[in-house]
Amino acid sequence: MNNNSLAKEINLLHARICSAISEPNRILLIYAVAEKPRNVNKLAEIVGISQSAASRHLKVLRERGLIQAQRDGAQVIYSLADERFIQALELLREVMLDQLSQQADLIKQNQPNER
């Protein structure tokens, strides 16, 4: 595999991970399994979605390598595949908070002075 195809493969994997976290409920599911491995029913309850919706989201996260599933008798327990995914999400949150703060500052600067 040459450098160009390796770069393309990395970009494809990057895009797949980003598309997996583009849905808010999936982000909540990632945080929930990072806190503690859980089954689909508990995860659905925590996130406030149906069991079938949770299953669909968990399938996407599992296919993209963000979470892993392990059978425990009749149930499947989901856990985070790599702690660095939480670090990445937290870094994104910091960037977004900085952006919001900058936007708020701009709005304040452009407000007419009240007397």
N, C-alpha and C. Protein backbone atom coordinates (compact mmCIF):
# COMPACT_ATOMS: atom_id res chain seq x y z
N MET A 1 0.86 -1.18 0.00
CA MET A 1 0.00 0.00 0.00
C MET A 1 0.90 1.24 0.00
N ASN A 2 0.69 2.11 -0.98
CA ASN A 2 1.52 3.31 -1.04
C ASN A 2 0.97 4.40 -0.12
N ASN A 3 1.73 5.47 0.03
CA ASN A 3 1.34 6.55 0.96
C ASN A 3 0.02 7.20 0.58
N ASN A 4 -0.24 7.32 -0.73
CA ASN A 4 -1.48 7.95 -1.18
C ASN A 4 -2.69 7.10 -0.80
N SER A 5 -2.61 5.78 -1.02
CA SER A 5 -3.75 4.94 -0.65
C SER A 5 -3.88 4.81 0.86
N LEU A 6 -2.77 4.86 1.58
CA LEU A 6 -2.85 4.84 3.04
C LEU A 6 -3.54 6.10 3.55
N ALA A 7 -3.20 7.25 2.99
CA ALA A 7 -3.84 8.51 3.38
C ALA A 7 -5.33 8.47 3.08
N LYS A 8 -5.70 7.92 1.94
CA LYS A 8 -7.12 7.80 1.58
C LYS A 8 -7.85 6.89 2.57
N GLU A 9 -7.21 5.79 2.94
CA GLU A 9 -7.82 4.85 3.88
C GLU A 9 -8.02 5.51 5.25
N ILE A 10 -7.02 6.24 5.69
CA ILE A 10 -7.12 6.95 6.97
C ILE A 10 -8.24 7.98 6.93
N ASN A 11 -8.32 8.73 5.83
CA ASN A 11 -9.39 9.72 5.69
C ASN A 11 -10.77 9.07 5.67
N LEU A 12 -10.88 7.92 5.05
CA LEU A 12 -12.15 7.19 5.03
C LEU A 12 -12.53 6.75 6.44
N LEU A 13 -11.57 6.20 7.18
CA LEU A 13 -11.85 5.78 8.57
C LEU A 13 -12.24 6.99 9.42
N HIS A 14 -11.55 8.08 9.23
CA HIS A 14 -11.85 9.32 9.96
C HIS A 14 -13.29 9.75 9.68
N ALA A 15 -13.67 9.76 8.41
CA ALA A 15 -15.03 10.16 8.03
C ALA A 15 -16.07 9.21 8.62
N ARG A 16 -15.77 7.92 8.66
CA ARG A 16 -16.72 6.96 9.22
C ARG A 16 -16.93 7.18 10.72
N ILE A 17 -15.86 7.49 11.43
CA ILE A 17 -15.98 7.77 12.86
C ILE A 17 -16.76 9.06 13.07
N CYS A 18 -16.43 10.08 12.29
CA CYS A 18 -17.14 11.36 12.43
C CYS A 18 -18.62 11.22 12.11
N SER A 19 -18.96 10.43 11.11
CA SER A 19 -20.38 10.24 10.80
C SER A 19 -21.08 9.48 11.93
N ALA A 20 -20.35 8.60 12.59
CA ALA A 20 -20.95 7.85 13.71
C ALA A 20 -21.29 8.76 14.88
N ILE A 21 -20.49 9.80 15.10
CA ILE A 21 -20.76 10.70 16.23
C ILE A 21 -21.55 11.94 15.81
N SER A 22 -22.08 11.92 14.59
CA SER A 22 -22.85 13.07 14.12
C SER A 22 -24.28 13.05 14.65
N GLU A 23 -24.67 12.00 15.34
CA GLU A 23 -26.02 11.87 15.88
C GLU A 23 -25.95 12.03 17.40
N PRO A 24 -26.69 12.98 17.96
CA PRO A 24 -26.59 13.26 19.41
C PRO A 24 -26.83 12.06 20.32
N ASN A 25 -27.78 11.18 19.98
CA ASN A 25 -28.02 10.02 20.83
C ASN A 25 -26.84 9.07 20.84
N ARG A 26 -26.11 9.01 19.75
CA ARG A 26 -24.92 8.14 19.72
C ARG A 26 -23.84 8.69 20.65
N ILE A 27 -23.71 10.00 20.70
CA ILE A 27 -22.74 10.60 21.63
C ILE A 27 -23.13 10.25 23.06
N LEU A 28 -24.43 10.37 23.37
CA LEU A 28 -24.90 10.02 24.72
C LEU A 28 -24.64 8.55 25.03
N LEU A 29 -24.83 7.69 24.05
CA LEU A 29 -24.56 6.27 24.26
C LEU A 29 -23.08 6.02 24.52
N ILE A 30 -22.22 6.73 23.80
CA ILE A 30 -20.77 6.58 24.02
C ILE A 30 -20.42 6.97 25.45
N TYR A 31 -20.95 8.10 25.91
CA TYR A 31 -20.67 8.52 27.29
C TYR A 31 -21.22 7.51 28.29
N ALA A 32 -22.38 6.95 28.01
CA ALA A 32 -23.00 5.99 28.94
C ALA A 32 -22.17 4.71 29.05
N VAL A 33 -21.68 4.20 27.92
CA VAL A 33 -20.87 2.96 28.01
C VAL A 33 -19.48 3.24 28.54
N ALA A 34 -19.01 4.48 28.37
CA ALA A 34 -17.70 4.83 28.93
C ALA A 34 -17.77 4.86 30.45
N GLU A 35 -18.91 5.28 30.96
CA GLU A 35 -19.11 5.33 32.41
C GLU A 35 -19.12 3.93 33.01
N LYS A 36 -19.81 3.02 32.28
CA LYS A 36 -19.94 1.65 32.78
C LYS A 36 -20.51 0.77 31.66
N PRO A 37 -19.94 -0.40 31.41
CA PRO A 37 -20.52 -1.30 30.40
C PRO A 37 -21.97 -1.64 30.77
N ARG A 38 -22.83 -1.64 29.76
CA ARG A 38 -24.26 -1.85 30.02
C ARG A 38 -24.92 -2.60 28.87
N ASN A 39 -26.13 -3.11 29.14
CA ASN A 39 -26.91 -3.76 28.09
C ASN A 39 -27.79 -2.73 27.39
N VAL A 40 -28.40 -3.14 26.30
CA VAL A 40 -29.16 -2.22 25.46
C VAL A 40 -30.35 -1.61 26.21
N ASN A 41 -31.02 -2.39 27.05
CA ASN A 41 -32.18 -1.86 27.76
C ASN A 41 -31.80 -0.73 28.71
N LYS A 42 -30.71 -0.92 29.45
CA LYS A 42 -30.25 0.11 30.37
C LYS A 42 -29.78 1.34 29.60
N LEU A 43 -29.08 1.13 28.49
CA LEU A 43 -28.61 2.26 27.69
C LEU A 43 -29.78 3.05 27.11
N ALA A 44 -30.80 2.34 26.64
CA ALA A 44 -31.99 3.02 26.10
C ALA A 44 -32.65 3.86 27.18
N GLU A 45 -32.73 3.30 28.38
CA GLU A 45 -33.33 4.02 29.51
C GLU A 45 -32.52 5.28 29.85
N ILE A 46 -31.22 5.16 29.92
CA ILE A 46 -30.36 6.29 30.26
C ILE A 46 -30.48 7.41 29.24
N VAL A 47 -30.47 7.05 27.96
CA VAL A 47 -30.50 8.05 26.88
C VAL A 47 -31.92 8.56 26.64
N GLY A 48 -32.92 7.78 27.03
CA GLY A 48 -34.31 8.20 26.85
C GLY A 48 -34.84 7.93 25.45
N ILE A 49 -34.44 6.79 24.91
CA ILE A 49 -34.91 6.38 23.59
C ILE A 49 -35.43 4.95 23.69
N SER A 50 -36.11 4.49 22.63
CA SER A 50 -36.63 3.13 22.64
C SER A 50 -35.49 2.12 22.54
N GLN A 51 -35.79 0.90 22.92
CA GLN A 51 -34.78 -0.16 22.85
C GLN A 51 -34.38 -0.41 21.41
N SER A 52 -35.34 -0.34 20.48
CA SER A 52 -35.00 -0.58 19.08
C SER A 52 -34.13 0.55 18.52
N ALA A 53 -34.39 1.79 18.91
CA ALA A 53 -33.55 2.91 18.46
C ALA A 53 -32.14 2.77 19.03
N ALA A 54 -32.06 2.39 20.31
CA ALA A 54 -30.74 2.19 20.93
C ALA A 54 -29.98 1.09 20.21
N SER A 55 -30.66 0.01 19.86
CA SER A 55 -30.01 -1.09 19.14
C SER A 55 -29.46 -0.63 17.80
N ARG A 56 -30.24 0.17 17.08
CA ARG A 56 -29.76 0.67 15.78
C ARG A 56 -28.53 1.56 15.94
N HIS A 57 -28.56 2.45 16.93
CA HIS A 57 -27.42 3.34 17.17
C HIS A 57 -26.19 2.55 17.63
N LEU A 58 -26.40 1.58 18.49
CA LEU A 58 -25.30 0.75 18.98
C LEU A 58 -24.67 -0.05 17.84
N LYS A 59 -25.49 -0.49 16.91
CA LYS A 59 -24.96 -1.22 15.74
C LYS A 59 -24.01 -0.33 14.94
N VAL A 60 -24.41 0.92 14.71
CA VAL A 60 -23.54 1.85 13.98
C VAL A 60 -22.24 2.07 14.74
N LEU A 61 -22.34 2.32 16.03
CA LEU A 61 -21.14 2.57 16.84
C LEU A 61 -20.22 1.35 16.87
N ARG A 62 -20.82 0.19 16.91
CA ARG A 62 -20.03 -1.05 16.92
C ARG A 62 -19.36 -1.26 15.56
N GLU A 63 -20.10 -1.05 14.47
CA GLU A 63 -19.54 -1.22 13.14
C GLU A 63 -18.39 -0.25 12.87
N ARG A 64 -18.45 0.93 13.48
CA ARG A 64 -17.42 1.94 13.26
C ARG A 64 -16.27 1.81 14.25
N GLY A 65 -16.36 0.85 15.17
CA GLY A 65 -15.26 0.56 16.08
C GLY A 65 -15.19 1.43 17.32
N LEU A 66 -16.26 2.17 17.63
CA LEU A 66 -16.25 3.02 18.81
C LEU A 66 -16.61 2.26 20.08
N ILE A 67 -17.47 1.27 19.93
CA ILE A 67 -17.84 0.44 21.08
C ILE A 67 -17.64 -1.02 20.70
N GLN A 68 -17.64 -1.85 21.73
CA GLN A 68 -17.56 -3.29 21.49
C GLN A 68 -18.69 -3.97 22.23
N ALA A 69 -19.05 -5.14 21.76
CA ALA A 69 -20.15 -5.90 22.34
C ALA A 69 -19.63 -7.26 22.78
N GLN A 70 -20.09 -7.67 23.95
CA GLN A 70 -19.69 -8.98 24.46
C GLN A 70 -20.93 -9.66 25.02
N ARG A 71 -21.15 -10.89 24.57
CA ARG A 71 -22.30 -11.64 25.04
C ARG A 71 -22.07 -12.12 26.46
N ASP A 72 -23.12 -11.93 27.29
CA ASP A 72 -23.10 -12.39 28.69
C ASP A 72 -24.40 -13.14 28.91
N GLY A 73 -24.38 -14.44 28.63
CA GLY A 73 -25.60 -15.22 28.71
C GLY A 73 -26.56 -14.79 27.60
N ALA A 74 -27.77 -14.39 27.99
CA ALA A 74 -28.79 -14.00 27.02
C ALA A 74 -28.66 -12.55 26.59
N GLN A 75 -27.85 -11.77 27.27
CA GLN A 75 -27.75 -10.36 26.93
C GLN A 75 -26.39 -10.00 26.35
N VAL A 76 -26.35 -8.84 25.71
CA VAL A 76 -25.12 -8.31 25.15
C VAL A 76 -24.74 -7.08 25.95
N ILE A 77 -23.49 -7.03 26.39
CA ILE A 77 -22.99 -5.91 27.17
C ILE A 77 -22.09 -5.07 26.26
N TYR A 78 -22.38 -3.77 26.23
CA TYR A 78 -21.63 -2.84 25.39
C TYR A 78 -20.64 -2.06 26.24
N SER A 79 -19.44 -1.85 25.68
CA SER A 79 -18.42 -1.08 26.37
C SER A 79 -17.66 -0.24 25.35
N LEU A 80 -16.93 0.73 25.85
CA LEU A 80 -16.15 1.61 24.99
C LEU A 80 -14.95 0.85 24.44
N ALA A 81 -14.68 1.00 23.16
CA ALA A 81 -13.56 0.29 22.53
C ALA A 81 -12.22 0.91 22.88
N ASP A 82 -12.19 2.22 23.10
CA ASP A 82 -10.93 2.91 23.36
C ASP A 82 -11.24 4.20 24.12
N GLU A 83 -10.62 4.39 25.26
CA GLU A 83 -10.86 5.58 26.10
C GLU A 83 -10.55 6.88 25.36
N ARG A 84 -9.71 6.81 24.36
CA ARG A 84 -9.35 8.03 23.62
C ARG A 84 -10.54 8.63 22.89
N PHE A 85 -11.58 7.83 22.63
CA PHE A 85 -12.78 8.40 22.01
C PHE A 85 -13.42 9.44 22.92
N ILE A 86 -13.41 9.18 24.22
CA ILE A 86 -13.94 10.16 25.18
C ILE A 86 -13.05 11.40 25.19
N GLN A 87 -11.75 11.20 25.18
CA GLN A 87 -10.84 12.35 25.13
C GLN A 87 -11.09 13.19 23.89
N ALA A 88 -11.32 12.54 22.76
CA ALA A 88 -11.60 13.26 21.51
C ALA A 88 -12.91 14.04 21.61
N LEU A 89 -13.93 13.42 22.17
CA LEU A 89 -15.22 14.11 22.34
C LEU A 89 -15.07 15.31 23.28
N GLU A 90 -14.30 15.14 24.34
CA GLU A 90 -14.09 16.24 25.29
C GLU A 90 -13.32 17.39 24.63
N LEU A 91 -12.34 17.07 23.81
CA LEU A 91 -11.60 18.09 23.09
C LEU A 91 -12.52 18.86 22.14
N LEU A 92 -13.38 18.14 21.44
CA LEU A 92 -14.35 18.80 20.57
C LEU A 92 -15.27 19.73 21.36
N ARG A 93 -15.71 19.29 22.54
CA ARG A 93 -16.55 20.13 23.39
C ARG A 93 -15.82 21.41 23.80
N GLU A 94 -14.55 21.30 24.12
CA GLU A 94 -13.77 22.48 24.50
C GLU A 94 -13.69 23.47 23.34
N VAL A 95 -13.45 22.95 22.14
CA VAL A 95 -13.37 23.82 20.96
C VAL A 95 -14.72 24.51 20.74
N MET A 96 -15.81 23.76 20.85
CA MET A 96 -17.14 24.35 20.66
C MET A 96 -17.46 25.39 21.72
N LEU A 97 -17.09 25.14 22.96
CA LEU A 97 -17.31 26.12 24.02
C LEU A 97 -16.53 27.40 23.75
N ASP A 98 -15.29 27.27 23.27
CA ASP A 98 -14.50 28.45 22.91
C ASP A 98 -15.17 29.22 21.78
N GLN A 99 -15.68 28.51 20.80
CA GLN A 99 -16.36 29.17 19.69
C GLN A 99 -17.61 29.90 20.17
N LEU A 100 -18.38 29.27 21.04
CA LEU A 100 -19.58 29.92 21.58
C LEU A 100 -19.22 31.17 22.37
N SER A 101 -18.15 31.08 23.14
CA SER A 101 -17.69 32.22 23.92
C SER A 101 -17.27 33.37 23.01
N GLN A 102 -16.57 33.06 21.94
CA GLN A 102 -16.16 34.08 20.98
C GLN A 102 -17.37 34.73 20.30
N GLN A 103 -18.36 33.92 19.97
CA GLN A 103 -19.58 34.46 19.35
C GLN A 103 -20.32 35.37 20.32
N ALA A 104 -20.38 34.96 21.59
CA ALA A 104 -21.04 35.79 22.60
C ALA A 104 -20.31 37.12 22.76
N ASP A 105 -18.98 37.08 22.74
CA ASP A 105 -18.19 38.31 22.84
C ASP A 105 -18.47 39.23 21.65
N LEU A 106 -18.56 38.66 20.46
CA LEU A 106 -18.85 39.46 19.27
C LEU A 106 -20.23 40.11 19.35
N ILE A 107 -21.19 39.36 19.86
CA ILE A 107 -22.53 39.91 20.00
C ILE A 107 -22.52 41.07 21.00
N LYS A 108 -21.83 40.89 22.11
CA LYS A 108 -21.75 41.96 23.10
C LYS A 108 -21.09 43.20 22.53
N GLN A 109 -20.04 43.01 21.73
CA GLN A 109 -19.32 44.14 21.13
C GLN A 109 -20.18 44.90 20.14
N ASN A 110 -21.11 44.20 19.51
CA ASN A 110 -21.95 44.82 18.48
C ASN A 110 -23.28 45.32 19.01
N GLN A 111 -23.51 45.17 20.30
CA GLN A 111 -24.74 45.68 20.92
C GLN A 111 -24.61 47.18 21.13
N PRO A 112 -25.65 47.93 20.84
CA PRO A 112 -25.56 49.37 21.15
C PRO A 112 -25.52 49.57 22.66
N ASN A 113 -24.76 50.57 23.06
CA ASN A 113 -24.66 50.85 24.50
C ASN A 113 -26.00 51.33 25.02
N GLU A 114 -26.43 50.75 26.13
CA GLU A 114 -27.69 51.19 26.75
C GLU A 114 -27.39 52.27 27.76
N ARG A 115 -28.24 53.26 27.78
CA ARG A 115 -28.03 54.40 28.70
C ARG A 115 -29.09 54.45 29.74
